[in-house]
């Protein structure tokens, strides 16, 4: 059986086709475990289930895997038959998924292992906490500017800076706002520390993470993001496919003999692209081919283009390192040891 399921937060609509492509069942049910139990009772275990990638597929994947039912994850932007349909309903969407699955024309998305999915959730939580902390800090900066407060601290949110913030004389309403924001900052800091420790515990002893940490500018946190966003390196035939996955390849327009390359597509994995660009700002401070490449391109085309191009080159280096299971050619062993000690300390 070939089953297409249009999955939503509250409901699901399933269309089942037999080997000849005839519809043998159509049903709508609630997206609840009990309803899923009833649904799978009536389908053969050798059935294939197609679901379009969305925010709700993780628990469904786990549920079907536990029961030995194969799930195929459809790539949403490439499933053009659904996106371009003039009439779009749950019934039509599920039918088209089933038809594409039966014909083996369904554009598939990679389904990472449960371990990788868990790690991704943890890492994305840490990224979000970092954004939350930045928002609070910016609000404190704005409050200080509003009240004409000047300071000479290199880090206003270090130990001495926070003492300074707490002791500033402000009007009552402004003082209340400051105290609330400082408490929010302390709360987010504690959550960051907690999540960071969990990440360190997972990273400790991970072979891929250790290899990635030999690159200057990549610590265990960056390495964990890179490793888990990539997943299995073997799924990429070459470094070009990996760079495309990260959205670090230029847009190409070609007509006849004319070929034009524009800015990067930004259609790939945004988190992987972001962490690579962050890493570039650090790695180019150290001697090596990446630094030479960056400085040469910066002189020719400017900083922004040089950073993105170096991020693409860094990802190419990472691809080779992971395929060969080799450390970074220009590794600074003292720096790597320092990062490993910091990892051990955080994980304790």
Protein backbone atom coordinates (compact mmCIF):
# COMPACT_ATOMS: atom_id res chain seq x y z
CA UNK A 1 0.00 0.00 0.00
CA UNK A 2 1.07 3.59 -0.71
CA UNK A 3 -0.26 6.12 1.75
CA UNK A 4 -0.08 9.88 1.47
CA UNK A 5 -0.84 11.83 4.64
CA UNK A 6 -1.48 15.56 4.78
CA UNK A 7 -0.32 16.32 8.30
CA UNK A 8 -1.49 19.27 10.38
CA UNK A 9 -1.23 20.26 14.02
CA UNK A 10 -4.72 19.03 14.91
CA UNK A 11 -5.76 16.72 12.07
CA UNK A 12 -4.47 14.35 9.40
CA UNK A 13 -5.96 13.33 6.06
CA UNK A 14 -4.80 10.02 4.59
CA UNK A 15 -5.25 8.58 1.11
CA UNK A 16 -4.29 4.94 0.49
CA UNK A 17 -3.52 3.52 -2.96
CA UNK A 18 -3.04 -0.13 -3.89
CA UNK A 19 -0.31 -1.42 -6.23
CA UNK A 20 -2.47 -0.58 -9.26
CA UNK A 21 -2.90 3.02 -8.09
CA UNK A 22 -6.54 2.65 -7.15
CA UNK A 23 -7.82 4.49 -4.07
CA UNK A 24 -8.76 1.93 -1.44
CA UNK A 25 -9.19 4.21 1.54
CA UNK A 26 -9.61 7.86 2.47
CA UNK A 27 -9.98 9.11 5.98
CA UNK A 28 -9.51 12.06 8.28
CA UNK A 29 -8.41 11.59 11.88
CA UNK A 30 -7.09 13.61 14.79
CA UNK A 31 -3.34 14.00 15.16
CA UNK A 32 -3.33 12.10 18.45
CA UNK A 33 -1.55 8.89 19.44
CA UNK A 34 -4.77 6.93 20.02
CA UNK A 35 -6.03 7.88 16.55
CA UNK A 36 -2.71 6.90 14.98
CA UNK A 37 -2.93 3.54 16.75
CA UNK A 38 -6.34 2.92 15.16
CA UNK A 39 -5.06 4.02 11.76
CA UNK A 40 -2.02 1.70 11.62
CA UNK A 41 -4.07 -1.29 12.79
CA UNK A 42 -5.73 -1.40 9.39
CA UNK A 43 -2.66 -1.14 7.15
CA UNK A 44 -0.10 -3.82 6.17
CA UNK A 45 3.35 -3.49 7.76
CA UNK A 46 5.01 -3.37 4.32
CA UNK A 47 3.12 -0.18 3.46
CA UNK A 48 4.96 3.03 2.63
CA UNK A 49 3.80 6.32 4.13
CA UNK A 50 4.60 9.72 2.60
CA UNK A 51 4.40 12.88 4.70
CA UNK A 52 5.42 16.37 3.65
CA UNK A 53 8.10 17.88 5.90
CA UNK A 54 6.53 20.23 8.45
CA UNK A 55 6.75 21.10 12.14
CA UNK A 56 4.89 18.00 13.31
CA UNK A 57 6.61 15.04 11.65
CA UNK A 58 9.10 14.04 14.40
CA UNK A 59 6.65 12.13 16.66
CA UNK A 60 4.95 10.57 13.63
CA UNK A 61 8.31 9.30 12.36
CA UNK A 62 9.13 7.76 15.75
CA UNK A 63 5.67 6.19 15.95
CA UNK A 64 5.89 4.57 12.51
CA UNK A 65 9.51 3.44 12.99
CA UNK A 66 8.55 1.66 16.22
CA UNK A 67 5.99 -0.34 14.23
CA UNK A 68 8.28 -1.16 11.32
CA UNK A 69 6.42 1.01 8.82
CA UNK A 70 8.57 2.87 6.30
CA UNK A 71 8.06 6.63 6.23
CA UNK A 72 9.16 8.83 3.35
CA UNK A 73 9.58 12.53 4.06
CA UNK A 74 8.60 14.71 1.12
CA UNK A 75 10.65 17.82 0.31
CA UNK A 76 8.01 20.60 0.45
CA UNK A 77 9.51 23.08 -2.02
CA UNK A 78 10.24 20.36 -4.57
CA UNK A 79 6.85 18.69 -4.42
CA UNK A 80 5.65 21.00 -7.17
CA UNK A 81 2.53 19.05 -8.01
CA UNK A 82 1.07 20.12 -4.65
CA UNK A 83 2.48 23.64 -4.53
CA UNK A 84 1.26 24.43 -8.04
CA UNK A 85 -2.15 22.81 -7.78
CA UNK A 86 -4.94 25.24 -8.72
CA UNK A 87 -7.26 23.53 -6.26
CA UNK A 88 -5.52 22.76 -2.97
CA UNK A 89 -7.25 20.70 -0.29
CA UNK A 90 -6.08 18.15 2.26
CA UNK A 91 -7.76 15.42 0.19
CA UNK A 92 -5.91 16.42 -2.99
CA UNK A 93 -2.60 16.91 -1.18
CA UNK A 94 -2.68 13.45 0.40
CA UNK A 95 -3.70 11.83 -2.90
CA UNK A 96 -0.86 13.51 -4.78
CA UNK A 97 1.65 12.43 -2.13
CA UNK A 98 0.44 8.82 -2.47
CA UNK A 99 0.59 8.96 -6.28
CA UNK A 100 4.12 10.38 -6.30
CA UNK A 101 5.20 7.79 -3.73
CA UNK A 102 3.80 4.91 -5.79
CA UNK A 103 5.50 6.20 -8.96
CA UNK A 104 8.77 6.75 -7.05
CA UNK A 105 8.74 10.39 -8.16
CA UNK A 106 8.47 11.88 -4.67
CA UNK A 107 11.26 14.39 -3.92
CA UNK A 108 12.62 13.05 -0.64
CA UNK A 109 14.00 14.86 2.37
CA UNK A 110 16.66 13.31 4.56
CA UNK A 111 15.29 11.72 7.74
CA UNK A 112 17.96 12.04 10.45
CA UNK A 113 18.26 9.45 13.20
CA UNK A 114 16.42 9.97 16.46
CA UNK A 115 19.73 10.83 18.16
CA UNK A 116 20.46 13.58 15.64
CA UNK A 117 16.91 14.92 15.90
CA UNK A 118 17.28 15.12 19.70
CA UNK A 119 20.64 16.89 19.36
CA UNK A 120 19.20 19.35 16.85
CA UNK A 121 16.39 20.27 19.24
CA UNK A 122 18.90 20.87 22.04
CA UNK A 123 21.20 22.95 19.84
CA UNK A 124 18.38 25.02 18.38
CA UNK A 125 17.15 25.70 21.91
CA UNK A 126 20.63 27.01 22.75
CA UNK A 127 20.62 29.21 19.65
CA UNK A 128 17.22 30.64 20.60
CA UNK A 129 18.38 31.31 24.16
CA UNK A 130 21.33 33.22 22.72
CA UNK A 131 18.93 35.35 20.68
CA UNK A 132 16.74 35.92 23.76
CA UNK A 133 19.78 37.06 25.72
CA UNK A 134 20.77 39.48 22.97
CA UNK A 135 17.26 40.98 22.99
CA UNK A 136 17.45 41.61 26.76
CA UNK A 137 20.93 43.12 26.49
CA UNK A 138 19.81 45.43 23.70
CA UNK A 139 16.88 46.60 25.81
CA UNK A 140 19.26 47.38 28.67
CA UNK A 141 21.54 49.32 26.31
CA UNK A 142 18.50 51.26 25.06
CA UNK A 143 17.40 52.02 28.62
CA UNK A 144 20.85 53.32 29.52
CA UNK A 145 21.00 55.48 26.39
CA UNK A 146 17.54 56.85 27.13
CA UNK A 147 18.76 57.96 30.55
CA UNK A 148 22.02 59.39 29.25
CA UNK A 149 24.16 56.82 31.10
CA UNK A 150 27.75 56.58 29.82
CA UNK A 151 30.27 53.85 30.66
CA UNK A 152 33.76 52.71 29.73
CA UNK A 153 33.33 48.97 30.25
CA UNK A 154 34.49 46.72 27.42
CA UNK A 155 31.76 44.32 28.58
CA UNK A 156 28.84 46.05 30.26
CA UNK A 157 27.47 42.66 31.28
CA UNK A 158 30.60 41.38 33.00
CA UNK A 159 30.84 41.23 36.81
CA UNK A 160 31.87 44.87 37.26
CA UNK A 161 29.50 46.07 34.56
CA UNK A 162 26.50 44.46 36.24
CA UNK A 163 27.43 46.01 39.59
CA UNK A 164 27.59 49.37 37.81
CA UNK A 165 24.14 48.81 36.28
CA UNK A 166 22.58 47.92 39.64
CA UNK A 167 23.99 51.01 41.36
CA UNK A 168 22.88 53.62 38.80
CA UNK A 169 20.46 56.20 40.21
CA UNK A 170 17.31 56.25 38.09
CA UNK A 171 13.73 57.48 38.34
CA UNK A 172 11.42 54.88 39.87
CA UNK A 173 9.84 53.70 36.61
CA UNK A 174 13.27 53.42 34.96
CA UNK A 175 14.71 51.65 37.99
CA UNK A 176 11.89 49.09 37.90
CA UNK A 177 12.53 48.50 34.19
CA UNK A 178 16.27 48.07 34.83
CA UNK A 179 15.71 45.60 37.69
CA UNK A 180 13.24 43.55 35.64
CA UNK A 181 15.64 43.40 32.69
CA UNK A 182 18.60 42.41 34.89
CA UNK A 183 16.55 39.61 36.46
CA UNK A 184 15.55 38.44 32.98
CA UNK A 185 19.19 38.46 31.94
CA UNK A 186 20.24 36.43 34.98
CA UNK A 187 17.46 33.93 34.29
CA UNK A 188 18.46 33.50 30.63
CA UNK A 189 22.13 33.18 31.66
CA UNK A 190 21.24 30.28 33.96
CA UNK A 191 19.26 28.53 31.23
CA UNK A 192 22.12 29.02 28.76
CA UNK A 193 24.56 27.52 31.26
CA UNK A 194 22.26 24.53 31.83
CA UNK A 195 21.74 23.81 28.12
CA UNK A 196 25.42 24.43 27.36
CA UNK A 197 26.36 21.76 29.89
CA UNK A 198 23.96 19.26 28.31
CA UNK A 199 25.52 19.97 24.90
CA UNK A 200 29.01 19.48 26.33
CA UNK A 201 28.02 16.13 27.85
CA UNK A 202 26.78 14.92 24.46
CA UNK A 203 29.83 16.33 22.64
CA UNK A 204 32.38 14.78 24.99
CA UNK A 205 34.12 11.86 23.30
CA UNK A 206 32.30 12.33 19.96
CA UNK A 207 34.81 11.51 17.21
CA UNK A 208 33.35 13.92 14.64
CA UNK A 209 33.17 16.77 17.16
CA UNK A 210 36.82 16.23 18.16
CA UNK A 211 37.90 16.30 14.50
CA UNK A 212 36.00 19.53 13.85
CA UNK A 213 37.48 21.14 16.96
CA UNK A 214 40.95 20.92 15.40
CA UNK A 215 39.86 23.85 13.20
CA UNK A 216 40.68 27.19 14.87
CA UNK A 217 37.44 29.09 15.48
CA UNK A 218 35.32 25.97 15.97
CA UNK A 219 34.61 24.94 19.57
CA UNK A 220 32.46 22.03 20.76
CA UNK A 221 29.24 24.06 20.40
CA UNK A 222 29.97 25.03 16.77
CA UNK A 223 31.17 21.49 16.05
CA UNK A 224 27.96 20.01 17.44
CA UNK A 225 25.84 22.26 15.23
CA UNK A 226 27.90 21.43 12.13
CA UNK A 227 27.86 17.70 12.81
CA UNK A 228 24.15 17.41 13.58
CA UNK A 229 22.92 19.75 10.85
CA UNK A 230 24.94 17.82 8.26
CA UNK A 231 23.97 14.40 9.58
CA UNK A 232 25.71 11.52 7.82
CA UNK A 233 28.42 12.93 5.58
CA UNK A 234 28.04 9.87 3.31
CA UNK A 235 24.68 11.15 2.07
CA UNK A 236 26.46 13.85 0.06
CA UNK A 237 28.15 12.57 -3.14
CA UNK A 238 30.59 15.49 -3.04
CA UNK A 239 31.39 18.81 -1.41
CA UNK A 240 29.30 20.72 -3.99
CA UNK A 241 26.14 18.98 -2.81
CA UNK A 242 27.03 19.80 0.80
CA UNK A 243 27.59 23.48 -0.06
CA UNK A 244 24.24 23.51 -1.86
CA UNK A 245 22.60 21.99 1.23
CA UNK A 246 24.00 24.89 3.27
CA UNK A 247 22.81 27.48 0.73
CA UNK A 248 26.40 28.60 0.11
CA UNK A 249 26.32 28.30 -3.67
CA UNK A 250 25.62 31.23 -6.03
CA UNK A 251 22.45 31.61 -8.04
CA UNK A 252 23.16 30.76 -11.68
CA UNK A 253 21.32 32.14 -14.70
CA UNK A 254 22.30 30.81 -18.10
CA UNK A 255 20.92 31.66 -21.53
CA UNK A 256 22.72 30.36 -24.57
CA UNK A 257 26.41 31.07 -24.13
CA UNK A 258 25.80 33.67 -21.43
CA UNK A 259 26.26 32.56 -17.83
CA UNK A 260 25.69 34.84 -14.82
CA UNK A 261 26.32 34.04 -11.17
CA UNK A 262 24.66 36.09 -8.44
CA UNK A 263 24.50 36.08 -4.67
CA UNK A 264 24.21 32.84 -2.69
CA UNK A 265 20.84 31.07 -2.86
CA UNK A 266 20.22 31.06 0.93
CA UNK A 267 17.79 28.21 0.23
CA UNK A 268 19.62 25.62 2.31
CA UNK A 269 20.19 24.99 5.99
CA UNK A 270 20.20 28.46 7.59
CA UNK A 271 21.68 27.34 10.92
CA UNK A 272 24.60 25.53 9.27
CA UNK A 273 25.26 28.55 7.06
CA UNK A 274 25.14 30.90 10.08
CA UNK A 275 27.57 28.90 12.23
CA UNK A 276 30.04 28.56 9.34
CA UNK A 277 30.04 32.32 8.79
CA UNK A 278 30.58 32.84 12.53
CA UNK A 279 33.50 30.39 12.41
CA UNK A 280 35.10 32.17 9.45
CA UNK A 281 35.53 35.37 11.46
CA UNK A 282 37.73 33.38 13.85
CA UNK A 283 39.54 30.93 11.57
CA UNK A 284 40.91 33.69 9.29
CA UNK A 285 42.84 35.10 12.25
CA UNK A 286 45.17 32.09 12.11
CA UNK A 287 47.78 31.19 9.45
CA UNK A 288 46.65 28.80 6.73
CA UNK A 289 45.12 28.55 3.27
CA UNK A 290 41.75 29.86 4.46
CA UNK A 291 43.33 33.06 5.76
CA UNK A 292 45.26 33.57 2.50
CA UNK A 293 42.12 32.96 0.47
CA UNK A 294 40.07 35.36 2.62
CA UNK A 295 42.61 38.20 2.51
CA UNK A 296 43.06 37.89 -1.25
CA UNK A 297 39.31 37.94 -1.91
CA UNK A 298 38.67 40.71 0.62
CA UNK A 299 41.08 42.94 -1.27
CA UNK A 300 39.40 42.16 -4.59
CA UNK A 301 35.68 42.05 -3.71
CA UNK A 302 35.18 43.32 -0.17
CA UNK A 303 34.60 41.80 3.25
CA UNK A 304 31.05 40.42 2.84
CA UNK A 305 31.77 38.46 -0.33
CA UNK A 306 35.08 37.25 1.12
CA UNK A 307 33.42 35.95 4.30
CA UNK A 308 30.74 34.00 2.41
CA UNK A 309 33.23 32.57 -0.09
CA UNK A 310 35.54 31.53 2.75
CA UNK A 311 32.60 29.88 4.54
CA UNK A 312 32.00 27.84 1.39
CA UNK A 313 35.69 26.91 1.23
CA UNK A 314 35.64 26.02 4.94
CA UNK A 315 32.70 23.69 4.34
CA UNK A 316 34.65 22.05 1.51
CA UNK A 317 37.55 21.50 3.94
CA UNK A 318 35.13 20.06 6.52
CA UNK A 319 33.71 17.67 3.91
CA UNK A 320 37.17 16.30 3.15
CA UNK A 321 38.08 16.06 6.85
CA UNK A 322 34.94 14.10 7.74
CA UNK A 323 35.17 11.79 4.72
CA UNK A 324 38.81 10.97 5.50
CA UNK A 325 38.41 11.25 9.29
CA UNK A 326 41.43 13.56 9.39
CA UNK A 327 42.27 16.54 11.57
CA UNK A 328 42.63 20.03 10.13
CA UNK A 329 45.89 20.37 8.20
CA UNK A 330 46.79 23.65 9.92
CA UNK A 331 45.72 22.54 13.38
CA UNK A 332 47.21 24.44 16.32
CA UNK A 333 47.56 21.62 18.82
CA UNK A 334 47.87 23.89 21.87
CA UNK A 335 44.61 25.59 20.89
CA UNK A 336 42.87 22.25 20.35
CA UNK A 337 44.02 21.02 23.76
CA UNK A 338 42.71 24.22 25.35
CA UNK A 339 39.30 23.70 23.72
CA UNK A 340 39.18 20.07 24.83
CA UNK A 341 39.95 21.07 28.42
CA UNK A 342 37.17 23.65 28.30
CA UNK A 343 34.82 20.95 27.01
CA UNK A 344 35.78 18.61 29.86
CA UNK A 345 35.27 21.38 32.42
CA UNK A 346 31.84 22.36 31.06
CA UNK A 347 30.67 18.74 30.92
CA UNK A 348 31.57 18.11 34.59
